[in-house]
């Protein structure tokens, strides 16, 4: 079993850096093309964001667990997360992510 990793992101810039993306053009809001996102480490990765995330994903071949539920996103996914919520992404070994779609990140101070 892979080691459980926990990642907490206080800023959108921190999230961009972790995912191998260029710095956001604005510190409080960002739109990300998911085709540009680098692969997550194998295993289970728990994530806590201090900002809102709205994502529309296609071809997402990983599993997402929110609370005690595992969600099936094989047909595509629209995923909403508010600040302070923990979710987990489970990536199987030797899985290549070919996802497409968009992610909107909004810091609460922006609102």
PDB file of N, CA and C in Angstrom:
ATOM      1  N   UNK A   1       0.843  -1.181   0.000  1.00  0.00           N
ATOM      2  CA  UNK A   1       0.000   0.000   0.000  1.00  0.00           C
ATOM      3  C   UNK A   1       0.880   1.233   0.000  1.00  0.00           C
ATOM      4  N   UNK A   2       0.561   2.219  -0.837  1.00  0.00           N
ATOM      5  CA  UNK A   2       1.341   3.444  -0.925  1.00  0.00           C
ATOM      6  C   UNK A   2       1.117   4.296   0.318  1.00  0.00           C
ATOM      7  N   UNK A   3       2.109   5.099   0.628  1.00  0.00           N
ATOM      8  CA  UNK A   3       2.038   5.971   1.791  1.00  0.00           C
ATOM      9  C   UNK A   3       1.010   7.078   1.548  1.00  0.00           C
ATOM     10  N   UNK A   4       0.171   7.347   2.552  1.00  0.00           N
ATOM     11  CA  UNK A   4      -0.832   8.392   2.463  1.00  0.00           C
ATOM     12  C   UNK A   4      -0.152   9.744   2.599  1.00  0.00           C
ATOM     13  N   UNK A   5      -0.402  10.645   1.648  1.00  0.00           N
ATOM     14  CA  UNK A   5       0.167  11.974   1.675  1.00  0.00           C
ATOM     15  C   UNK A   5      -0.951  12.981   1.871  1.00  0.00           C
ATOM     16  N   UNK A   6      -0.664  14.045   2.627  1.00  0.00           N
ATOM     17  CA  UNK A   6      -1.642  15.090   2.872  1.00  0.00           C
ATOM     18  C   UNK A   6      -1.066  16.399   2.365  1.00  0.00           C
ATOM     19  N   UNK A   7      -1.822  17.091   1.535  1.00  0.00           N
ATOM     20  CA  UNK A   7      -1.378  18.353   0.962  1.00  0.00           C
ATOM     21  C   UNK A   7      -2.388  19.433   1.318  1.00  0.00           C
ATOM     22  N   UNK A   8      -1.915  20.515   1.985  1.00  0.00           N
ATOM     23  CA  UNK A   8      -2.772  21.647   2.316  1.00  0.00           C
ATOM     24  C   UNK A   8      -2.284  22.850   1.527  1.00  0.00           C
ATOM     25  N   UNK A   9      -3.231  23.523   0.853  1.00  0.00           N
ATOM     26  CA  UNK A   9      -2.893  24.677   0.035  1.00  0.00           C
ATOM     27  C   UNK A   9      -3.609  25.908   0.572  1.00  0.00           C
ATOM     28  N   UNK A  10      -2.833  26.861   1.084  1.00  0.00           N
ATOM     29  CA  UNK A  10      -3.392  28.110   1.598  1.00  0.00           C
ATOM     30  C   UNK A  10      -3.660  29.108   0.479  1.00  0.00           C
ATOM     31  N   UNK A  11      -2.836  29.063  -0.577  1.00  0.00           N
ATOM     32  CA  UNK A  11      -2.985  30.027  -1.656  1.00  0.00           C
ATOM     33  C   UNK A  11      -3.112  29.309  -3.001  1.00  0.00           C
ATOM     34  N   UNK A  12      -3.671  30.018  -3.939  1.00  0.00           N
ATOM     35  CA  UNK A  12      -3.789  29.487  -5.302  1.00  0.00           C
ATOM     36  C   UNK A  12      -2.398  29.334  -5.906  1.00  0.00           C
ATOM     37  N   UNK A  13      -1.491  30.244  -5.579  1.00  0.00           N
ATOM     38  CA  UNK A  13      -0.104  30.143  -6.069  1.00  0.00           C
ATOM     39  C   UNK A  13       0.561  28.857  -5.597  1.00  0.00           C
ATOM     40  N   UNK A  14       0.315  28.458  -4.340  1.00  0.00           N
ATOM     41  CA  UNK A  14       0.867  27.196  -3.818  1.00  0.00           C
ATOM     42  C   UNK A  14       0.356  26.007  -4.628  1.00  0.00           C
ATOM     43  N   UNK A  15      -0.925  26.021  -4.955  1.00  0.00           N
ATOM     44  CA  UNK A  15      -1.516  24.943  -5.734  1.00  0.00           C
ATOM     45  C   UNK A  15      -0.894  24.890  -7.128  1.00  0.00           C
ATOM     46  N   UNK A  16      -0.731  26.041  -7.760  1.00  0.00           N
ATOM     47  CA  UNK A  16      -0.100  26.104  -9.083  1.00  0.00           C
ATOM     48  C   UNK A  16       1.308  25.504  -9.039  1.00  0.00           C
ATOM     49  N   UNK A  17       2.061  25.885  -8.030  1.00  0.00           N
ATOM     50  CA  UNK A  17       3.442  25.395  -7.903  1.00  0.00           C
ATOM     51  C   UNK A  17       3.461  23.875  -7.743  1.00  0.00           C
ATOM     52  N   UNK A  18       2.599  23.336  -6.880  1.00  0.00           N
ATOM     53  CA  UNK A  18       2.530  21.898  -6.633  1.00  0.00           C
ATOM     54  C   UNK A  18       2.186  21.124  -7.901  1.00  0.00           C
ATOM     55  N   UNK A  19       1.285  21.681  -8.716  1.00  0.00           N
ATOM     56  CA  UNK A  19       0.839  20.985  -9.923  1.00  0.00           C
ATOM     57  C   UNK A  19       1.704  21.290 -11.147  1.00  0.00           C
ATOM     58  N   UNK A  20       2.803  22.035 -10.964  1.00  0.00           N
ATOM     59  CA  UNK A  20       3.727  22.299 -12.057  1.00  0.00           C
ATOM     60  C   UNK A  20       3.215  23.313 -13.061  1.00  0.00           C
ATOM     61  N   UNK A  21       2.404  24.239 -12.605  1.00  0.00           N
ATOM     62  CA  UNK A  21       1.827  25.265 -13.470  1.00  0.00           C
ATOM     63  C   UNK A  21       2.529  26.599 -13.267  1.00  0.00           C
ATOM     64  N   UNK A  22       2.478  27.495 -14.258  1.00  0.00           N
ATOM     65  CA  UNK A  22       3.048  28.829 -14.052  1.00  0.00           C
ATOM     66  C   UNK A  22       2.253  29.590 -12.993  1.00  0.00           C
ATOM     67  N   UNK A  23       2.862  30.629 -12.422  1.00  0.00           N
ATOM     68  CA  UNK A  23       2.175  31.434 -11.411  1.00  0.00           C
ATOM     69  C   UNK A  23       0.866  31.976 -11.978  1.00  0.00           C
ATOM     70  N   UNK A  24      -0.170  32.059 -11.139  1.00  0.00           N
ATOM     71  CA  UNK A  24      -1.427  32.619 -11.628  1.00  0.00           C
ATOM     72  C   UNK A  24      -1.263  34.111 -11.929  1.00  0.00           C
ATOM     73  N   UNK A  25      -2.066  34.602 -12.858  1.00  0.00           N
ATOM     74  CA  UNK A  25      -1.993  36.016 -13.211  1.00  0.00           C
ATOM     75  C   UNK A  25      -2.609  36.904 -12.147  1.00  0.00           C
ATOM     76  N   UNK A  26      -3.472  36.344 -11.309  1.00  0.00           N
ATOM     77  CA  UNK A  26      -4.090  37.076 -10.205  1.00  0.00           C
ATOM     78  C   UNK A  26      -3.999  36.191  -8.967  1.00  0.00           C
ATOM     79  N   UNK A  27      -3.653  36.735  -7.796  1.00  0.00           N
ATOM     80  CA  UNK A  27      -3.471  35.869  -6.610  1.00  0.00           C
ATOM     81  C   UNK A  27      -4.760  35.289  -6.038  1.00  0.00           C
ATOM     82  N   UNK A  28      -5.925  35.836  -6.424  1.00  0.00           N
ATOM     83  CA  UNK A  28      -7.173  35.400  -5.803  1.00  0.00           C
ATOM     84  C   UNK A  28      -8.091  34.609  -6.723  1.00  0.00           C
ATOM     85  N   UNK A  29      -7.763  34.495  -8.008  1.00  0.00           N
ATOM     86  CA  UNK A  29      -8.612  33.751  -8.940  1.00  0.00           C
ATOM     87  C   UNK A  29      -7.738  33.186 -10.052  1.00  0.00           C
ATOM     88  N   UNK A  30      -8.093  31.991 -10.514  1.00  0.00           N
ATOM     89  CA  UNK A  30      -7.312  31.351 -11.573  1.00  0.00           C
ATOM     90  C   UNK A  30      -8.192  30.382 -12.344  1.00  0.00           C
ATOM     91  N   UNK A  31      -7.946  30.305 -13.647  1.00  0.00           N
ATOM     92  CA  UNK A  31      -8.583  29.303 -14.493  1.00  0.00           C
ATOM     93  C   UNK A  31      -7.468  28.430 -15.052  1.00  0.00           C
ATOM     94  N   UNK A  32      -7.608  27.108 -14.865  1.00  0.00           N
ATOM     95  CA  UNK A  32      -6.558  26.163 -15.252  1.00  0.00           C
ATOM     96  C   UNK A  32      -7.083  25.217 -16.321  1.00  0.00           C
ATOM     97  N   UNK A  33      -6.321  25.060 -17.380  1.00  0.00           N
ATOM     98  CA  UNK A  33      -6.603  24.052 -18.392  1.00  0.00           C
ATOM     99  C   UNK A  33      -6.048  22.732 -17.850  1.00  0.00           C
ATOM    100  N   UNK A  34      -6.889  21.763 -17.603  1.00  0.00           N
ATOM    101  CA  UNK A  34      -6.455  20.513 -16.972  1.00  0.00           C
ATOM    102  C   UNK A  34      -5.499  19.699 -17.832  1.00  0.00           C
ATOM    103  N   UNK A  35      -5.467  19.957 -19.124  1.00  0.00           N
ATOM    104  CA  UNK A  35      -4.498  19.267 -19.985  1.00  0.00           C
ATOM    105  C   UNK A  35      -3.069  19.687 -19.629  1.00  0.00           C
ATOM    106  N   UNK A  36      -2.899  20.840 -18.966  1.00  0.00           N
ATOM    107  CA  UNK A  36      -1.580  21.343 -18.579  1.00  0.00           C
ATOM    108  C   UNK A  36      -1.120  20.838 -17.210  1.00  0.00           C
ATOM    109  N   UNK A  37      -1.998  20.164 -16.477  1.00  0.00           N
ATOM    110  CA  UNK A  37      -1.697  19.735 -15.117  1.00  0.00           C
ATOM    111  C   UNK A  37      -0.846  18.473 -15.133  1.00  0.00           C
ATOM    112  N   UNK A  38       0.225  18.501 -14.326  1.00  0.00           N
ATOM    113  CA  UNK A  38       1.096  17.327 -14.225  1.00  0.00           C
ATOM    114  C   UNK A  38       0.425  16.247 -13.393  1.00  0.00           C
ATOM    115  N   UNK A  39       0.900  15.056 -13.547  1.00  0.00           N
ATOM    116  CA  UNK A  39       0.390  13.870 -12.871  1.00  0.00           C
ATOM    117  C   UNK A  39       0.553  13.970 -11.360  1.00  0.00           C
ATOM    118  N   UNK A  40      -0.437  13.458 -10.622  1.00  0.00           N
ATOM    119  CA  UNK A  40      -0.343  13.350  -9.171  1.00  0.00           C
ATOM    120  C   UNK A  40       0.558  12.171  -8.831  1.00  0.00           C
ATOM    121  N   UNK A  41       1.211  12.211  -7.664  1.00  0.00           N
ATOM    122  CA  UNK A  41       1.977  11.037  -7.238  1.00  0.00           C
ATOM    123  C   UNK A  41       1.068   9.818  -7.099  1.00  0.00           C
ATOM    124  N   UNK A  42       1.625   8.619  -7.313  1.00  0.00           N
ATOM    125  CA  UNK A  42       0.842   7.389  -7.169  1.00  0.00           C
ATOM    126  C   UNK A  42       0.379   7.231  -5.734  1.00  0.00           C
ATOM    127  N   UNK A  43      -0.682   6.496  -5.564  1.00  0.00           N
ATOM    128  CA  UNK A  43      -1.208   6.226  -4.231  1.00  0.00           C
ATOM    129  C   UNK A  43      -2.386   7.133  -3.937  1.00  0.00           C
ATOM    130  N   UNK A  44      -2.611   7.368  -2.658  1.00  0.00           N
ATOM    131  CA  UNK A  44      -3.721   8.200  -2.221  1.00  0.00           C
ATOM    132  C   UNK A  44      -3.175   9.551  -1.791  1.00  0.00           C
ATOM    133  N   UNK A  45      -3.780  10.597  -2.257  1.00  0.00           N
ATOM    134  CA  UNK A  45      -3.348  11.945  -1.959  1.00  0.00           C
ATOM    135  C   UNK A  45      -4.519  12.733  -1.396  1.00  0.00           C
ATOM    136  N   UNK A  46      -4.473  13.038  -0.103  1.00  0.00           N
ATOM    137  CA  UNK A  46      -5.525  13.838   0.513  1.00  0.00           C
ATOM    138  C   UNK A  46      -5.186  15.307   0.314  1.00  0.00           C
ATOM    139  N   UNK A  47      -6.205  16.088  -0.045  1.00  0.00           N
ATOM    140  CA  UNK A  47      -5.999  17.491  -0.369  1.00  0.00           C
ATOM    141  C   UNK A  47      -6.981  18.347   0.417  1.00  0.00           C
ATOM    142  N   UNK A  48      -6.472  19.453   0.957  1.00  0.00           N
ATOM    143  CA  UNK A  48      -7.274  20.455   1.646  1.00  0.00           C
ATOM    144  C   UNK A  48      -6.964  21.795   1.010  1.00  0.00           C
ATOM    145  N   UNK A  49      -7.992  22.455   0.499  1.00  0.00           N
ATOM    146  CA  UNK A  49      -7.829  23.757  -0.135  1.00  0.00           C
ATOM    147  C   UNK A  49      -8.423  24.841   0.758  1.00  0.00           C
ATOM    148  N   UNK A  50      -7.771  26.000   0.814  1.00  0.00           N
ATOM    149  CA  UNK A  50      -8.315  27.151   1.537  1.00  0.00           C
ATOM    150  C   UNK A  50      -9.019  28.106   0.578  1.00  0.00           C
ATOM    151  N   UNK A  51      -9.491  27.572  -0.545  1.00  0.00           N
ATOM    152  CA  UNK A  51     -10.196  28.361  -1.550  1.00  0.00           C
ATOM    153  C   UNK A  51     -11.190  27.456  -2.261  1.00  0.00           C
ATOM    154  N   UNK A  52     -12.080  28.065  -3.026  1.00  0.00           N
ATOM    155  CA  UNK A  52     -13.084  27.316  -3.771  1.00  0.00           C
ATOM    156  C   UNK A  52     -12.483  26.714  -5.034  1.00  0.00           C
ATOM    157  N   UNK A  53     -13.013  25.564  -5.425  1.00  0.00           N
ATOM    158  CA  UNK A  53     -12.609  24.927  -6.677  1.00  0.00           C
ATOM    159  C   UNK A  53     -13.858  24.409  -7.376  1.00  0.00           C
ATOM    160  N   UNK A  54     -13.979  24.779  -8.644  1.00  0.00           N
ATOM    161  CA  UNK A  54     -15.041  24.255  -9.496  1.00  0.00           C
ATOM    162  C   UNK A  54     -14.347  23.657 -10.706  1.00  0.00           C
ATOM    163  N   UNK A  55     -14.565  22.383 -10.947  1.00  0.00           N
ATOM    164  CA  UNK A  55     -13.860  21.712 -12.037  1.00  0.00           C
ATOM    165  C   UNK A  55     -14.847  20.982 -12.936  1.00  0.00           C
ATOM    166  N   UNK A  56     -14.582  21.062 -14.217  1.00  0.00           N
ATOM    167  CA  UNK A  56     -15.292  20.287 -15.222  1.00  0.00           C
ATOM    168  C   UNK A  56     -14.232  19.447 -15.910  1.00  0.00           C
ATOM    169  N   UNK A  57     -14.270  18.117 -15.686  1.00  0.00           N
ATOM    170  CA  UNK A  57     -13.211  17.228 -16.156  1.00  0.00           C
ATOM    171  C   UNK A  57     -13.766  16.167 -17.087  1.00  0.00           C
ATOM    172  N   UNK A  58     -12.923  15.757 -18.023  1.00  0.00           N
ATOM    173  CA  UNK A  58     -13.215  14.636 -18.919  1.00  0.00           C
ATOM    174  C   UNK A  58     -12.009  13.706 -18.905  1.00  0.00           C
ATOM    175  N   UNK A  59     -12.235  12.438 -19.197  1.00  0.00           N
ATOM    176  CA  UNK A  59     -11.159  11.433 -19.258  1.00  0.00           C
ATOM    177  C   UNK A  59     -10.353  11.392 -17.965  1.00  0.00           C
ATOM    178  N   UNK A  60     -11.020  11.508 -16.859  1.00  0.00           N
ATOM    179  CA  UNK A  60     -10.355  11.519 -15.556  1.00  0.00           C
ATOM    180  C   UNK A  60     -10.311  10.086 -15.038  1.00  0.00           C
ATOM    181  N   UNK A  61      -9.161   9.418 -15.173  1.00  0.00           N
ATOM    182  CA  UNK A  61      -9.070   8.004 -14.821  1.00  0.00           C
ATOM    183  C   UNK A  61      -8.404   7.791 -13.467  1.00  0.00           C
ATOM    184  N   UNK A  62      -8.869   8.539 -12.499  1.00  0.00           N
ATOM    185  CA  UNK A  62      -8.495   8.339 -11.100  1.00  0.00           C
ATOM    186  C   UNK A  62      -9.805   8.306 -10.314  1.00  0.00           C
ATOM    187  N   UNK A  63      -9.745   7.894  -9.075  1.00  0.00           N
ATOM    188  CA  UNK A  63     -10.937   7.857  -8.234  1.00  0.00           C
ATOM    189  C   UNK A  63     -10.839   8.980  -7.207  1.00  0.00           C
ATOM    190  N   UNK A  64     -11.982   9.590  -6.913  1.00  0.00           N
ATOM    191  CA  UNK A  64     -12.032  10.651  -5.909  1.00  0.00           C
ATOM    192  C   UNK A  64     -12.901  10.175  -4.764  1.00  0.00           C
ATOM    193  N   UNK A  65     -12.402  10.377  -3.571  1.00  0.00           N
ATOM    194  CA  UNK A  65     -13.124  10.007  -2.361  1.00  0.00           C
ATOM    195  C   UNK A  65     -13.382  11.283  -1.573  1.00  0.00           C
ATOM    196  N   UNK A  66     -14.643  11.497  -1.245  1.00  0.00           N
ATOM    197  CA  UNK A  66     -15.046  12.649  -0.447  1.00  0.00           C
ATOM    198  C   UNK A  66     -15.825  12.100   0.735  1.00  0.00           C
ATOM    199  N   UNK A  67     -15.334  12.349   1.941  1.00  0.00           N
ATOM    200  CA  UNK A  67     -15.921  11.710   3.109  1.00  0.00           C
ATOM    201  C   UNK A  67     -15.628  10.220   3.033  1.00  0.00           C
ATOM    202  N   UNK A  68     -16.629   9.400   3.237  1.00  0.00           N
ATOM    203  CA  UNK A  68     -16.450   7.951   3.169  1.00  0.00           C
ATOM    204  C   UNK A  68     -16.918   7.381   1.835  1.00  0.00           C
ATOM    205  N   UNK A  69     -17.310   8.255   0.898  1.00  0.00           N
ATOM    206  CA  UNK A  69     -17.840   7.805  -0.379  1.00  0.00           C
ATOM    207  C   UNK A  69     -16.787   7.876  -1.477  1.00  0.00           C
ATOM    208  N   UNK A  70     -16.757   6.879  -2.333  1.00  0.00           N
ATOM    209  CA  UNK A  70     -15.931   6.896  -3.538  1.00  0.00           C
ATOM    210  C   UNK A  70     -16.857   7.246  -4.696  1.00  0.00           C
ATOM    211  N   UNK A  71     -16.500   8.253  -5.459  1.00  0.00           N
ATOM    212  CA  UNK A  71     -17.348   8.727  -6.541  1.00  0.00           C
ATOM    213  C   UNK A  71     -16.859   8.224  -7.886  1.00  0.00           C
ATOM    214  N   UNK A  72     -17.803   7.852  -8.735  1.00  0.00           N
ATOM    215  CA  UNK A  72     -17.527   7.336 -10.068  1.00  0.00           C
ATOM    216  C   UNK A  72     -17.600   8.493 -11.057  1.00  0.00           C
ATOM    217  N   UNK A  73     -16.453   8.846 -11.626  1.00  0.00           N
ATOM    218  CA  UNK A  73     -16.397   9.942 -12.577  1.00  0.00           C
ATOM    219  C   UNK A  73     -15.950   9.438 -13.944  1.00  0.00           C
ATOM    220  N   UNK A  74     -16.244   8.196 -14.272  1.00  0.00           N
ATOM    221  CA  UNK A  74     -15.817   7.619 -15.539  1.00  0.00           C
ATOM    222  C   UNK A  74     -16.447   8.316 -16.746  1.00  0.00           C
ATOM    223  N   UNK A  75     -17.632   8.862 -16.596  1.00  0.00           N
ATOM    224  CA  UNK A  75     -18.323   9.526 -17.701  1.00  0.00           C
ATOM    225  C   UNK A  75     -18.052  11.017 -17.744  1.00  0.00           C
ATOM    226  N   UNK A  76     -17.212  11.509 -16.876  1.00  0.00           N
ATOM    227  CA  UNK A  76     -16.973  12.948 -16.777  1.00  0.00           C
ATOM    228  C   UNK A  76     -17.361  13.412 -15.397  1.00  0.00           C
ATOM    229  N   UNK A  77     -16.967  14.613 -15.070  1.00  0.00           N
ATOM    230  CA  UNK A  77     -17.166  15.056 -13.709  1.00  0.00           C
ATOM    231  C   UNK A  77     -17.297  16.568 -13.647  1.00  0.00           C
ATOM    232  N   UNK A  78     -18.233  17.013 -12.850  1.00  0.00           N
ATOM    233  CA  UNK A  78     -18.257  18.398 -12.418  1.00  0.00           C
ATOM    234  C   UNK A  78     -18.113  18.308 -10.912  1.00  0.00           C
ATOM    235  N   UNK A  79     -17.072  18.941 -10.396  1.00  0.00           N
ATOM    236  CA  UNK A  79     -16.659  18.734  -9.019  1.00  0.00           C
ATOM    237  C   UNK A  79     -16.548  20.087  -8.328  1.00  0.00           C
ATOM    238  N   UNK A  80     -17.236  20.254  -7.188  1.00  0.00           N
ATOM    239  CA  UNK A  80     -17.246  21.503  -6.440  1.00  0.00           C
ATOM    240  C   UNK A  80     -16.646  21.259  -5.057  1.00  0.00           C
ATOM    241  N   UNK A  81     -15.716  22.103  -4.654  1.00  0.00           N
ATOM    242  CA  UNK A  81     -15.116  22.003  -3.322  1.00  0.00           C
ATOM    243  C   UNK A  81     -15.097  23.400  -2.701  1.00  0.00           C
ATOM    244  N   UNK A  82     -15.518  23.498  -1.456  1.00  0.00           N
ATOM    245  CA  UNK A  82     -15.434  24.772  -0.743  1.00  0.00           C
ATOM    246  C   UNK A  82     -14.216  24.755   0.179  1.00  0.00           C
ATOM    247  N   UNK A  83     -13.782  25.917   0.642  1.00  0.00           N
ATOM    248  CA  UNK A  83     -12.592  25.969   1.507  1.00  0.00           C
ATOM    249  C   UNK A  83     -12.755  25.102   2.757  1.00  0.00           C
ATOM    250  N   UNK A  84     -11.673  24.433   3.122  1.00  0.00           N
ATOM    251  CA  UNK A  84     -11.658  23.623   4.340  1.00  0.00           C
ATOM    252  C   UNK A  84     -12.159  22.200   4.165  1.00  0.00           C
ATOM    253  N   UNK A  85     -12.564  21.803   2.974  1.00  0.00           N
ATOM    254  CA  UNK A  85     -13.049  20.449   2.735  1.00  0.00           C
ATOM    255  C   UNK A  85     -11.893  19.552   2.303  1.00  0.00           C
ATOM    256  N   UNK A  86     -11.879  18.353   2.812  1.00  0.00           N
ATOM    257  CA  UNK A  86     -10.819  17.399   2.468  1.00  0.00           C
ATOM    258  C   UNK A  86     -11.382  16.386   1.475  1.00  0.00           C
ATOM    259  N   UNK A  87     -10.630  16.143   0.418  1.00  0.00           N
ATOM    260  CA  UNK A  87     -10.974  15.089  -0.523  1.00  0.00           C
ATOM    261  C   UNK A  87      -9.703  14.329  -0.859  1.00  0.00           C
ATOM    262  N   UNK A  88      -9.875  13.155  -1.404  1.00  0.00           N
ATOM    263  CA  UNK A  88      -8.728  12.291  -1.689  1.00  0.00           C
ATOM    264  C   UNK A  88      -8.794  11.816  -3.131  1.00  0.00           C
ATOM    265  N   UNK A  89      -7.654  11.906  -3.809  1.00  0.00           N
ATOM    266  CA  UNK A  89      -7.530  11.401  -5.170  1.00  0.00           C
ATOM    267  C   UNK A  89      -6.720  10.120  -5.121  1.00  0.00           C
ATOM    268  N   UNK A  90      -7.248   9.040  -5.682  1.00  0.00           N
ATOM    269  CA  UNK A  90      -6.571   7.749  -5.695  1.00  0.00           C
ATOM    270  C   UNK A  90      -6.137   7.441  -7.120  1.00  0.00           C
ATOM    271  N   UNK A  91      -4.819   7.409  -7.329  1.00  0.00           N
ATOM    272  CA  UNK A  91      -4.250   7.142  -8.649  1.00  0.00           C
ATOM    273  C   UNK A  91      -3.587   5.776  -8.610  1.00  0.00           C
ATOM    274  N   UNK A  92      -3.977   4.888  -9.522  1.00  0.00           N
ATOM    275  CA  UNK A  92      -3.377   3.556  -9.568  1.00  0.00           C
ATOM    276  C   UNK A  92      -2.003   3.620 -10.213  1.00  0.00           C
ATOM    277  N   UNK A  93      -1.173   2.651  -9.877  1.00  0.00           N
ATOM    278  CA  UNK A  93       0.172   2.581 -10.452  1.00  0.00           C
ATOM    279  C   UNK A  93       0.108   2.519 -11.968  1.00  0.00           C
ATOM    280  N   UNK A  94       1.073   3.163 -12.581  1.00  0.00           N
ATOM    281  CA  UNK A  94       1.246   3.150 -14.039  1.00  0.00           C
ATOM    282  C   UNK A  94       0.035   3.705 -14.785  1.00  0.00           C
ATOM    283  N   UNK A  95      -0.713   4.591 -14.147  1.00  0.00           N
ATOM    284  CA  UNK A  95      -1.850   5.227 -14.798  1.00  0.00           C
ATOM    285  C   UNK A  95      -1.389   6.524 -15.431  1.00  0.00           C
ATOM    286  N   UNK A  96      -1.726   6.696 -16.685  1.00  0.00           N
ATOM    287  CA  UNK A  96      -1.429   7.947 -17.369  1.00  0.00           C
ATOM    288  C   UNK A  96      -2.693   8.786 -17.382  1.00  0.00           C
ATOM    289  N   UNK A  97      -2.585  10.001 -16.858  1.00  0.00           N
ATOM    290  CA  UNK A  97      -3.742  10.889 -16.846  1.00  0.00           C
ATOM    291  C   UNK A  97      -3.803  11.641 -18.163  1.00  0.00           C
ATOM    292  N   UNK A  98      -4.893  11.497 -18.858  1.00  0.00           N
ATOM    293  CA  UNK A  98      -5.131  12.198 -20.116  1.00  0.00           C
ATOM    294  C   UNK A  98      -6.349  13.096 -19.977  1.00  0.00           C
ATOM    295  N   UNK A  99      -6.530  13.676 -18.792  1.00  0.00           N
ATOM    296  CA  UNK A  99      -7.729  14.449 -18.543  1.00  0.00           C
ATOM    297  C   UNK A  99      -7.740  15.730 -19.362  1.00  0.00           C
ATOM    298  N   UNK A 100      -8.954  16.202 -19.565  1.00  0.00           N
ATOM    299  CA  UNK A 100      -9.149  17.487 -20.207  1.00  0.00           C
ATOM    300  C   UNK A 100     -10.239  18.205 -19.424  1.00  0.00           C
ATOM    301  N   UNK A 101     -10.387  19.466 -19.676  1.00  0.00           N
ATOM    302  CA  UNK A 101     -11.394  20.251 -18.980  1.00  0.00           C
ATOM    303  C   UNK A 101     -10.773  21.485 -18.349  1.00  0.00           C
ATOM    304  N   UNK A 102     -11.516  22.068 -17.433  1.00  0.00           N
ATOM    305  CA  UNK A 102     -11.101  23.331 -16.824  1.00  0.00           C
ATOM    306  C   UNK A 102     -11.360  23.312 -15.323  1.00  0.00           C
ATOM    307  N   UNK A 103     -10.558  24.081 -14.598  1.00  0.00           N
ATOM    308  CA  UNK A 103     -10.731  24.231 -13.162  1.00  0.00           C
ATOM    309  C   UNK A 103     -10.690  25.721 -12.826  1.00  0.00           C
ATOM    310  N   UNK A 104     -11.679  26.177 -12.082  1.00  0.00           N
ATOM    311  CA  UNK A 104     -11.734  27.556 -11.614  1.00  0.00           C
ATOM    312  C   UNK A 104     -11.421  27.549 -10.129  1.00  0.00           C
ATOM    313  N   UNK A 105     -10.409  28.315  -9.721  1.00  0.00           N
ATOM    314  CA  UNK A 105     -10.030  28.447  -8.318  1.00  0.00           C
ATOM    315  C   UNK A 105     -10.317  29.879  -7.894  1.00  0.00           C
ATOM    316  N   UNK A 106     -11.052  30.036  -6.781  1.00  0.00           N
ATOM    317  CA  UNK A 106     -11.430  31.363  -6.306  1.00  0.00           C
ATOM    318  C   UNK A 106     -11.174  31.440  -4.807  1.00  0.00           C
ATOM    319  N   UNK A 107     -10.345  32.391  -4.391  1.00  0.00           N
ATOM    320  CA  UNK A 107     -10.082  32.606  -2.972  1.00  0.00           C
ATOM    321  C   UNK A 107     -11.283  33.329  -2.361  1.00  0.00           C
ATOM    322  N   UNK A 108     -11.681  33.005  -1.122  1.00  0.00           N
ATOM    323  CA  UNK A 108     -12.837  33.664  -0.491  1.00  0.00           C
ATOM    324  C   UNK A 108     -12.693  35.181  -0.416  1.00  0.00           C
ATOM    325  N   UNK A 109     -11.470  35.711  -0.309  1.00  0.00           N
ATOM    326  CA  UNK A 109     -11.275  37.160  -0.257  1.00  0.00           C
ATOM    327  C   UNK A 109     -11.719  37.841  -1.544  1.00  0.00           C
ATOM    328  N   UNK A 110     -11.713  37.100  -2.655  1.00  0.00           N
ATOM    329  CA  UNK A 110     -12.138  37.653  -3.938  1.00  0.00           C
ATOM    330  C   UNK A 110     -13.640  37.969  -3.921  1.00  0.00           C
ATOM    331  N   UNK A 111     -14.393  37.150  -3.186  1.00  0.00           N
ATOM    332  CA  UNK A 111     -15.831  37.307  -3.136  1.00  0.00           C
ATOM    333  C   UNK A 111     -16.226  38.383  -2.142  1.00  0.00           C
TER     334      UNK A 111
END
